[in-house]
Amino acid sequence: MSRTVYDLIGLAAGVAFILALKGLSHPKTARRGNLIGAFGAGLATLVVFFYSNENSSLPLNNLGWILGAIAIGLVIGVPAARKVQMTQMPQLVALFNGVGGGAAALVAIVEYLNLGDQATTAEVVFTVFTVIVGCVSFSGSIITFMKLQELMTTRPVIFPAGRFIIAATLVSVIGVGGWVVTALGTTPLLILAGLSLLFGILFVLPVGGADVPIVISLLNAFTGLTVAASGYVLDSTLLIIAGTLVGASGTILTRLMAEAMGRSLFGTLFGAFTAKPQDVAAAGEERPVRSGSPDDVAILLNYARRVVIVPGFGLAVAQAQHTVRELADLMISKGIDVAYGIHPVAGRMPGHMNVLLAEANVPYDQLLEMDEVNPTFGQTDVAIVIGANDVVNPAAQTTPGCPIYGMPILEVNNAANIIFLKRSMRPGFAGIENELLYDPKTMLLFGDAKASLTKVVSALKAL
């Protein structure tokens, strides 16, 4: 295959990636966009096997190893993607993203070793950049995976002089990077990789709670940049296009998520070091809450005119999306106006609730974004909060210094009545108490969301 044909096919794959991003911008077209992106990635992978470049520093002469690696990837990746729970999707995204960044760093190291003294200054600079950012993305993504999987604490991990240690590590990374550019050699490159891995860990440890998905998005942008830089080293236009798209879209998403959380990116990453201690309720203090039964909830819903359902991570944990769709359809059949209030960062990643409800074939026109639904809570008879916590917590508006202060929330506290489905009184992902639970308008329905909703559906049918 000639270089011209190779570049044209690469251009077609790049167009597929652009169309995929366009499709992923709306729930209705997301599935088609995902398939187009997968086609582009498959095409980009396949075309490599038919391209012969006599000037390439790494000719295709290890076909057995390459096919073996692909087979191993398929054996691990396909079952993991098919069996993953919706509650674990963000962890899988973080893990796959980290692997991508690590792979880009390894490719850059191998290409650097292969070029040797023949490497130009520009190639060495791009190699250094790829190794630094790729290693940071890899180790940082592993930490975000462990936090989301609760293999370690989800709270910010801070330590004495943490800011100075992180800054010193970053200065060391930059210094060793300059050493690699000026001195060349394997030893400084490996030291650079090790320091970058350490910086990735230190970079993510201070982030906790609901801010973790923002960091995942940022690291995803990092991975895109490493792919683009490695594309320059490997003289691959396709890698440059794909990496730039991922880097740009990840950066935009990170900015949008930070705005949705109501804080700056710097505050998200390093706010734990400057956060002021909060006053907490005395240990063992008991505060009264109003709990109810499925029959109580059914009676309240039966006489409602407008109901807004607010899904959260608890809905995903209970796999109750089909049951909540059944409840909504039942209420609609009784003439009740039903809508879903979707917070931009509900769940563990952007669009988590949209994907979950789309799985249950909830009509897209019933899904209202935060800016659309908030003005309607004042005319809402019942707000049903299913497993959401931080995104409806009034502390974001009333408690300066708390981890979520300044974050725009779904203002369910303006509804006439609030039904809160929870397993227990345990705080949300941000680790702070929700005053909404003690509001006189709030009725708590304890238990598994799916089981509770099933009982509510049965009771509502009987009325």
Protein backbone atom coordinates (compact mmCIF):
# COMPACT_ATOMS: atom_id res chain seq x y z
CA MET A 1 0.00 0.00 0.00
CA SER A 2 1.40 3.39 -0.99
CA ARG A 3 1.80 6.28 1.41
CA THR A 4 -0.92 8.25 -0.41
CA VAL A 5 -3.51 5.50 0.01
CA TYR A 6 -2.43 5.02 3.63
CA ASP A 7 -2.90 8.73 4.36
CA LEU A 8 -6.31 8.77 2.66
CA ILE A 9 -7.51 5.84 4.73
CA GLY A 10 -6.12 7.55 7.81
CA LEU A 11 -8.06 10.67 6.87
CA ALA A 12 -11.24 8.59 6.56
CA ALA A 13 -10.61 7.17 10.05
CA GLY A 14 -10.08 10.72 11.36
CA VAL A 15 -13.40 11.82 9.85
CA ALA A 16 -15.04 8.82 11.55
CA PHE A 17 -13.65 10.00 14.90
CA ILE A 18 -15.06 13.50 14.33
CA LEU A 19 -18.48 12.09 13.43
CA ALA A 20 -18.30 9.87 16.51
CA LEU A 21 -17.75 12.89 18.77
CA LYS A 22 -20.64 14.66 17.10
CA GLY A 23 -22.89 11.64 17.71
CA LEU A 24 -21.81 11.34 21.33
CA SER A 25 -22.95 14.89 22.01
CA HIS A 26 -26.60 13.79 22.34
CA PRO A 27 -28.15 10.68 23.96
CA LYS A 28 -30.32 10.02 20.90
CA THR A 29 -27.33 9.66 18.58
CA ALA A 30 -24.76 8.38 21.09
CA ARG A 31 -25.07 4.72 20.10
CA ARG A 32 -24.54 5.51 16.42
CA GLY A 33 -21.62 7.77 17.28
CA ASN A 34 -20.01 5.03 19.34
CA LEU A 35 -20.31 2.55 16.46
CA ILE A 36 -18.81 5.06 14.00
CA GLY A 37 -15.89 5.64 16.37
CA ALA A 38 -15.34 1.91 16.76
CA PHE A 39 -15.33 1.54 12.96
CA GLY A 40 -12.74 4.32 12.66
CA ALA A 41 -10.52 2.72 15.31
CA GLY A 42 -10.81 -0.69 13.63
CA LEU A 43 -9.95 0.80 10.25
CA ALA A 44 -6.96 2.64 11.70
CA THR A 45 -5.66 -0.56 13.27
CA LEU A 46 -6.25 -2.73 10.21
CA VAL A 47 -4.58 -0.42 7.69
CA VAL A 48 -1.24 -0.63 9.54
CA PHE A 49 -0.85 -4.27 8.48
CA PHE A 50 -1.00 -3.35 4.79
CA TYR A 51 1.28 -0.33 4.80
CA SER A 52 4.88 -0.89 3.81
CA ASN A 53 7.32 1.94 4.45
CA GLU A 54 10.93 1.25 3.69
CA ASN A 55 11.93 4.38 5.64
CA SER A 56 10.18 3.26 8.79
CA SER A 57 12.47 2.72 11.77
CA LEU A 58 10.16 -0.03 13.01
CA PRO A 59 9.14 -2.21 10.08
CA LEU A 60 6.37 -4.72 10.55
CA ASN A 61 8.58 -7.72 11.27
CA ASN A 62 7.09 -8.98 14.53
CA LEU A 63 3.70 -10.03 13.22
CA GLY A 64 3.36 -12.97 15.61
CA TRP A 65 3.98 -10.82 18.68
CA ILE A 66 1.60 -8.14 17.41
CA LEU A 67 -1.23 -10.59 16.73
CA GLY A 68 -0.60 -12.24 20.09
CA ALA A 69 -0.85 -8.88 21.88
CA ILE A 70 -4.09 -8.10 20.04
CA ALA A 71 -5.49 -11.50 21.02
CA ILE A 72 -4.61 -10.92 24.68
CA GLY A 73 -6.24 -7.50 24.52
CA LEU A 74 -9.41 -8.99 23.06
CA VAL A 75 -9.53 -11.75 25.68
CA ILE A 76 -9.27 -9.17 28.48
CA GLY A 77 -11.12 -6.22 26.99
CA VAL A 78 -14.24 -7.78 25.45
CA PRO A 79 -15.43 -9.69 28.56
CA ALA A 80 -14.55 -6.71 30.77
CA ALA A 81 -16.63 -4.34 28.63
CA ARG A 82 -19.56 -6.74 28.29
CA LYS A 83 -19.78 -7.72 31.95
CA VAL A 84 -19.08 -4.35 33.56
CA GLN A 85 -21.89 -3.02 35.73
CA MET A 86 -23.21 0.46 35.00
CA THR A 87 -22.04 1.42 38.48
CA GLN A 88 -18.49 0.43 37.52
CA MET A 89 -18.38 2.12 34.11
CA PRO A 90 -16.42 5.18 35.34
CA GLN A 91 -13.78 2.91 36.87
CA LEU A 92 -13.46 1.06 33.57
CA VAL A 93 -13.13 4.35 31.68
CA ALA A 94 -10.39 5.47 34.09
CA LEU A 95 -8.56 2.16 33.77
CA PHE A 96 -8.72 2.04 29.97
CA ASN A 97 -7.64 5.67 29.78
CA GLY A 98 -4.65 4.96 31.99
CA VAL A 99 -3.64 2.00 29.85
CA GLY A 100 -3.78 4.26 26.79
CA GLY A 101 -1.48 6.83 28.37
CA GLY A 102 0.94 4.14 29.54
CA ALA A 103 0.98 2.56 26.08
CA ALA A 104 1.80 5.89 24.44
CA ALA A 105 4.67 6.41 26.89
CA LEU A 106 6.07 2.92 26.22
CA VAL A 107 5.86 3.43 22.45
CA ALA A 108 7.73 6.74 22.78
CA ILE A 109 10.46 5.10 24.88
CA VAL A 110 10.89 2.24 22.40
CA GLU A 111 11.03 4.64 19.45
CA TYR A 112 13.57 6.79 21.31
CA LEU A 113 15.79 3.78 21.97
CA ASN A 114 15.46 2.69 18.35
CA LEU A 115 16.38 6.10 16.92
CA GLY A 116 19.37 6.54 19.19
CA ASP A 117 21.76 9.28 18.12
CA GLN A 118 19.80 9.79 14.91
CA ALA A 119 16.89 11.37 16.79
CA THR A 120 16.38 15.05 16.05
CA THR A 121 15.95 17.59 18.85
CA ALA A 122 12.25 17.93 18.00
CA GLU A 123 11.76 14.15 18.19
CA VAL A 124 13.50 14.02 21.58
CA VAL A 125 11.36 16.90 22.90
CA PHE A 126 8.15 15.20 21.79
CA THR A 127 9.39 11.91 23.26
CA VAL A 128 10.03 13.59 26.61
CA PHE A 129 6.59 15.20 26.53
CA THR A 130 4.93 11.87 25.69
CA VAL A 131 6.75 10.02 28.47
CA ILE A 132 5.93 12.66 31.09
CA VAL A 133 2.25 13.11 30.26
CA GLY A 134 1.68 9.43 29.44
CA CYS A 135 3.16 8.26 32.75
CA VAL A 136 1.21 10.90 34.69
CA SER A 137 -1.98 9.78 32.95
CA PHE A 138 -1.24 6.12 33.70
CA SER A 139 -0.45 6.39 37.41
CA GLY A 140 -3.07 9.07 38.00
CA SER A 141 -5.75 6.99 36.32
CA ILE A 142 -4.84 3.99 38.46
CA ILE A 143 -5.40 6.10 41.58
CA THR A 144 -8.77 7.37 40.30
CA PHE A 145 -9.73 3.76 39.56
CA MET A 146 -8.83 2.73 43.10
CA LYS A 147 -10.80 5.65 44.57
CA LEU A 148 -13.93 4.92 42.54
CA GLN A 149 -13.65 1.20 43.23
CA GLU A 150 -13.19 2.07 46.92
CA LEU A 151 -9.95 0.10 47.07
CA MET A 152 -8.66 3.16 48.92
CA THR A 153 -10.32 6.09 50.64
CA THR A 154 -12.43 8.30 48.40
CA ARG A 155 -11.58 11.33 50.53
CA PRO A 156 -8.71 13.69 49.66
CA VAL A 157 -5.36 12.34 50.83
CA ILE A 158 -3.29 15.21 52.16
CA PHE A 159 0.03 15.10 53.97
CA PRO A 160 2.36 17.62 55.63
CA ALA A 161 3.96 20.02 53.13
CA GLY A 162 2.01 18.23 50.40
CA ARG A 163 1.88 21.23 48.08
CA PHE A 164 5.65 21.70 48.31
CA ILE A 165 6.35 18.02 47.72
CA ILE A 166 4.12 18.02 44.63
CA ALA A 167 5.77 21.21 43.35
CA ALA A 168 9.25 19.80 43.99
CA THR A 169 8.37 16.60 42.14
CA LEU A 170 7.10 18.61 39.17
CA VAL A 171 10.30 20.69 39.11
CA SER A 172 12.32 17.46 39.20
CA VAL A 173 10.31 16.06 36.28
CA ILE A 174 10.95 19.19 34.22
CA GLY A 175 14.64 19.20 35.16
CA VAL A 176 15.18 15.56 34.24
CA GLY A 177 13.25 16.17 31.02
CA GLY A 178 15.77 18.87 30.14
CA TRP A 179 18.57 16.44 31.01
CA VAL A 180 17.18 13.91 28.54
CA VAL A 181 17.01 16.53 25.77
CA THR A 182 20.57 17.76 26.30
CA ALA A 183 22.42 14.61 27.33
CA LEU A 184 20.39 11.80 25.71
CA GLY A 185 20.68 8.28 27.10
CA THR A 186 18.54 5.51 28.53
CA THR A 187 19.19 6.20 32.21
CA PRO A 188 17.81 9.74 32.35
CA LEU A 189 14.77 8.64 30.31
CA LEU A 190 13.94 5.87 32.77
CA ILE A 191 14.44 8.26 35.71
CA LEU A 192 12.08 10.65 33.95
CA ALA A 193 9.46 7.91 33.60
CA GLY A 194 9.75 7.00 37.29
CA LEU A 195 9.41 10.59 38.47
CA SER A 196 6.44 11.14 36.15
CA LEU A 197 4.69 8.08 37.59
CA LEU A 198 5.28 9.45 41.09
CA PHE A 199 3.97 12.88 40.12
CA GLY A 200 0.81 11.29 38.66
CA ILE A 201 0.12 9.64 42.02
CA LEU A 202 0.79 12.80 44.04
CA PHE A 203 -1.28 14.82 41.55
CA VAL A 204 -4.46 12.79 42.12
CA LEU A 205 -4.22 11.86 45.81
CA PRO A 206 -5.49 15.27 47.09
CA VAL A 207 -8.64 14.96 44.98
CA GLY A 208 -11.63 13.30 46.55
CA GLY A 209 -15.37 12.87 46.54
CA ALA A 210 -17.36 14.17 43.61
CA ASP A 211 -14.26 15.79 42.06
CA VAL A 212 -12.75 12.48 40.94
CA PRO A 213 -14.73 12.35 37.64
CA ILE A 214 -13.32 15.78 36.73
CA VAL A 215 -9.80 14.42 37.14
CA ILE A 216 -10.68 11.40 34.99
CA SER A 217 -11.71 13.79 32.23
CA LEU A 218 -8.50 15.80 32.63
CA LEU A 219 -6.35 12.67 32.49
CA ASN A 220 -8.27 11.60 29.40
CA ALA A 221 -7.21 14.89 27.79
CA PHE A 222 -3.63 14.14 28.86
CA THR A 223 -3.77 10.77 27.13
CA GLY A 224 -4.98 12.44 23.94
CA LEU A 225 -2.03 14.82 24.03
CA THR A 226 0.42 11.93 24.47
CA VAL A 227 -1.09 10.13 21.48
CA ALA A 228 -0.78 13.29 19.37
CA ALA A 229 2.84 13.77 20.44
CA SER A 230 3.71 10.14 19.72
CA GLY A 231 2.10 10.63 16.30
CA TYR A 232 4.75 13.25 15.57
CA VAL A 233 7.54 10.91 16.70
CA LEU A 234 6.14 8.05 14.59
CA ASP A 235 5.29 10.30 11.63
CA SER A 236 1.64 9.25 11.84
CA THR A 237 -0.93 11.86 10.80
CA LEU A 238 -3.72 9.62 12.05
CA LEU A 239 -2.32 9.53 15.59
CA ILE A 240 -1.95 13.29 15.55
CA ILE A 241 -5.59 13.72 14.46
CA ALA A 242 -6.97 11.18 16.94
CA GLY A 243 -4.86 12.45 19.83
CA THR A 244 -5.76 16.06 19.16
CA LEU A 245 -9.47 15.22 19.08
CA VAL A 246 -9.25 13.36 22.39
CA GLY A 247 -7.16 16.09 23.97
CA ALA A 248 -9.47 18.88 22.81
CA SER A 249 -12.71 17.11 23.73
CA GLY A 250 -11.30 16.04 27.10
CA THR A 251 -10.23 19.61 27.86
CA ILE A 252 -13.66 20.99 26.94
CA LEU A 253 -15.39 18.33 29.03
CA THR A 254 -13.12 19.06 31.99
CA ARG A 255 -13.98 22.76 31.80
CA LEU A 256 -17.71 22.04 31.55
CA MET A 257 -17.57 19.65 34.52
CA ALA A 258 -15.64 22.15 36.62
CA GLU A 259 -18.29 24.76 35.82
CA ALA A 260 -21.02 22.26 36.73
CA MET A 261 -19.27 21.78 40.07
CA GLY A 262 -19.08 25.55 40.52
CA ARG A 263 -15.35 25.78 41.07
CA SER A 264 -12.07 26.37 39.25
CA LEU A 265 -9.93 23.50 38.02
CA PHE A 266 -7.14 24.61 40.37
CA GLY A 267 -9.57 24.52 43.29
CA THR A 268 -10.67 21.04 42.25
CA LEU A 269 -7.14 19.69 42.14
CA PHE A 270 -5.60 21.43 45.15
CA GLY A 271 -8.55 22.74 47.18
CA ALA A 272 -8.05 20.04 49.82
CA PHE A 273 -4.83 21.72 50.94
CA THR A 274 -6.57 25.04 51.63
CA ALA A 275 -9.96 23.79 52.83
CA LYS A 276 -10.95 25.00 56.28
CA PRO A 277 -12.10 22.54 58.93
CA GLN A 278 -15.86 22.21 59.13
CA ASP A 279 -18.09 22.08 62.16
CA VAL A 280 -19.68 18.65 62.38
CA ALA A 281 -22.46 17.32 64.54
CA ALA A 282 -21.42 15.84 67.83
CA ALA A 283 -20.69 12.14 67.67
CA GLY A 284 -23.68 10.06 68.53
CA GLU A 285 -26.13 12.97 68.17
CA GLU A 286 -29.47 11.72 66.85
CA ARG A 287 -31.67 13.95 64.70
CA PRO A 288 -35.25 13.06 63.86
CA VAL A 289 -36.17 12.10 60.30
CA ARG A 290 -39.56 11.28 58.80
CA SER A 291 -39.68 7.85 57.20
CA GLY A 292 -42.55 6.28 55.33
CA SER A 293 -43.76 3.10 53.66
CA PRO A 294 -44.33 2.30 49.97
CA ASP A 295 -48.06 2.74 50.62
CA ASP A 296 -47.47 6.26 51.96
CA VAL A 297 -45.45 7.13 48.86
CA ALA A 298 -48.09 5.66 46.54
CA ILE A 299 -50.86 7.72 48.15
CA LEU A 300 -48.80 10.90 47.84
CA LEU A 301 -48.05 10.22 44.17
CA ASN A 302 -51.66 9.32 43.38
CA TYR A 303 -52.82 12.85 44.22
CA ALA A 304 -49.88 14.66 42.60
CA ARG A 305 -50.15 16.69 39.40
CA ARG A 306 -46.42 17.01 38.67
CA VAL A 307 -43.61 14.68 39.75
CA VAL A 308 -39.88 15.09 39.07
CA ILE A 309 -37.63 12.04 39.43
CA VAL A 310 -34.00 12.76 40.35
CA PRO A 311 -31.78 9.73 39.65
CA GLY A 312 -28.37 9.25 41.23
CA PHE A 313 -25.68 6.66 41.81
CA GLY A 314 -27.98 4.65 44.08
CA LEU A 315 -30.27 4.03 41.10
CA ALA A 316 -27.34 2.53 39.22
CA VAL A 317 -26.26 0.42 42.19
CA ALA A 318 -29.76 -1.07 42.52
CA GLN A 319 -30.15 -1.47 38.73
CA ALA A 320 -33.60 0.08 39.17
CA GLN A 321 -33.80 1.98 35.88
CA HIS A 322 -36.45 -0.34 34.42
CA THR A 323 -38.54 -0.18 37.60
CA VAL A 324 -38.43 3.62 37.70
CA ARG A 325 -39.52 3.65 34.04
CA GLU A 326 -42.47 1.41 35.00
CA LEU A 327 -43.39 3.79 37.83
CA ALA A 328 -43.17 6.81 35.53
CA ASP A 329 -45.36 5.15 32.88
CA LEU A 330 -47.93 4.26 35.53
CA MET A 331 -48.05 7.85 36.79
CA ILE A 332 -48.38 9.18 33.23
CA SER A 333 -51.31 6.82 32.65
CA LYS A 334 -52.98 8.49 35.65
CA GLY A 335 -52.56 11.91 34.07
CA ILE A 336 -49.56 12.97 36.15
CA ASP A 337 -46.89 15.15 34.51
CA VAL A 338 -43.56 13.30 34.94
CA ALA A 339 -40.03 14.49 34.20
CA TYR A 340 -36.50 13.44 35.14
CA GLY A 341 -34.09 16.01 36.57
CA ILE A 342 -30.53 15.25 35.39
CA HIS A 343 -27.55 16.87 37.06
CA PRO A 344 -24.42 17.16 34.85
CA VAL A 345 -22.26 15.18 37.29
CA ALA A 346 -24.87 12.84 38.79
CA GLY A 347 -23.43 9.36 39.20
CA ARG A 348 -19.73 8.93 38.62
CA MET A 349 -19.25 10.54 35.20
CA PRO A 350 -21.01 12.94 32.82
CA GLY A 351 -23.97 11.31 31.11
CA HIS A 352 -24.07 8.41 33.57
CA MET A 353 -27.77 8.87 34.29
CA ASN A 354 -28.62 9.51 30.63
CA VAL A 355 -27.04 6.21 29.62
CA LEU A 356 -28.70 4.37 32.50
CA LEU A 357 -32.19 5.67 31.63
CA ALA A 358 -31.64 5.16 27.92
CA GLU A 359 -31.05 1.49 28.73
CA ALA A 360 -34.64 1.43 30.06
CA ASN A 361 -35.91 3.27 26.92
CA VAL A 362 -36.96 6.36 28.85
CA PRO A 363 -38.08 8.96 26.24
CA TYR A 364 -35.41 11.60 25.72
CA ASP A 365 -37.92 14.46 25.98
CA GLN A 366 -38.59 13.49 29.61
CA LEU A 367 -34.93 14.07 30.54
CA LEU A 368 -34.47 17.68 31.66
CA GLU A 369 -31.08 19.21 32.33
CA MET A 370 -30.49 21.15 35.53
CA ASP A 371 -31.12 24.60 34.02
CA GLU A 372 -34.42 23.39 32.56
CA VAL A 373 -35.81 21.61 35.59
CA ASN A 374 -34.73 23.93 38.44
CA PRO A 375 -37.29 26.68 37.68
CA THR A 376 -40.07 24.05 37.76
CA PHE A 377 -39.47 22.66 41.26
CA GLY A 378 -41.59 25.43 42.75
CA GLN A 379 -44.59 24.01 40.84
CA THR A 380 -43.68 20.37 41.55
CA ASP A 381 -45.89 18.42 43.95
CA VAL A 382 -43.44 15.58 44.56
CA ALA A 383 -39.71 15.25 43.91
CA ILE A 384 -38.46 11.65 44.07
CA VAL A 385 -34.72 11.47 44.81
CA ILE A 386 -33.37 7.99 44.05
CA GLY A 387 -29.88 7.49 45.37
CA ALA A 388 -28.67 11.01 44.59
CA ASN A 389 -27.16 12.94 47.47
CA ASP A 390 -24.49 15.55 46.79
CA VAL A 391 -26.26 16.94 43.70
CA VAL A 392 -29.35 17.87 45.78
CA ASN A 393 -27.56 18.85 48.99
CA PRO A 394 -28.49 22.43 50.04
CA ALA A 395 -25.08 22.71 51.75
CA ALA A 396 -23.71 23.59 48.31
CA GLN A 397 -25.59 26.90 48.66
CA THR A 398 -25.64 27.45 52.41
CA THR A 399 -22.40 26.11 53.93
CA PRO A 400 -19.21 27.96 52.94
CA GLY A 401 -16.10 25.80 53.23
CA CYS A 402 -17.82 22.45 52.66
CA PRO A 403 -16.38 20.32 49.82
CA ILE A 404 -19.31 21.02 47.47
CA TYR A 405 -19.91 24.68 48.33
CA GLY A 406 -20.61 26.65 45.16
CA MET A 407 -21.66 23.62 43.14
CA PRO A 408 -24.95 24.20 41.29
CA ILE A 409 -27.51 21.68 42.54
CA LEU A 410 -30.94 20.39 41.62
CA GLU A 411 -33.14 22.52 43.87
CA VAL A 412 -35.52 19.77 44.98
CA ASN A 413 -35.90 21.57 48.32
CA ASN A 414 -38.31 23.92 46.48
CA ALA A 415 -40.76 21.08 45.76
CA ALA A 416 -43.89 20.74 47.89
CA ASN A 417 -42.95 17.20 48.96
CA ILE A 418 -39.72 15.21 48.73
CA ILE A 419 -39.41 11.43 48.66
CA PHE A 420 -35.84 10.33 49.36
CA LEU A 421 -34.93 6.69 48.60
CA LYS A 422 -31.82 5.63 50.51
CA ARG A 423 -30.30 2.45 51.85
CA SER A 424 -29.13 4.21 55.02
CA MET A 425 -28.25 7.61 56.46
CA ARG A 426 -24.71 7.25 55.12
CA PRO A 427 -23.37 10.49 53.52
CA GLY A 428 -22.85 10.78 49.77
CA PHE A 429 -19.60 10.51 47.81
CA ALA A 430 -18.39 13.90 49.05
CA GLY A 431 -18.63 12.59 52.62
CA ILE A 432 -20.88 15.34 54.05
CA GLU A 433 -24.30 15.18 55.65
CA ASN A 434 -27.36 16.25 53.67
CA GLU A 435 -29.63 18.64 55.57
CA LEU A 436 -32.40 17.83 53.10
CA LEU A 437 -32.91 14.52 54.88
CA TYR A 438 -34.10 16.40 57.98
CA ASP A 439 -36.42 18.77 56.12
CA PRO A 440 -40.04 18.41 57.37
CA LYS A 441 -41.14 18.08 53.72
CA THR A 442 -38.91 15.03 53.23
CA MET A 443 -40.13 11.45 53.60
CA LEU A 444 -37.41 8.79 53.62
CA LEU A 445 -38.02 5.38 52.10
CA PHE A 446 -35.24 3.10 53.30
CA GLY A 447 -34.10 0.00 51.45
CA ASP A 448 -32.86 -1.17 48.08
CA ALA A 449 -34.16 1.25 45.44
CA LYS A 450 -35.38 -1.46 43.07
CA ALA A 451 -37.25 -3.36 45.79
CA SER A 452 -38.74 -0.15 47.20
CA LEU A 453 -39.89 1.11 43.80
CA THR A 454 -41.42 -2.28 42.99
CA LYS A 455 -43.52 -2.03 46.14
CA VAL A 456 -44.51 1.56 45.30
CA VAL A 457 -45.61 0.45 41.81
CA SER A 458 -47.75 -2.34 43.28
CA ALA A 459 -49.32 0.00 45.84
CA LEU A 460 -50.02 2.69 43.20
CA LYS A 461 -51.68 0.14 40.90
CA ALA A 462 -54.01 -0.85 43.75
CA LEU A 463 -55.28 2.72 44.24
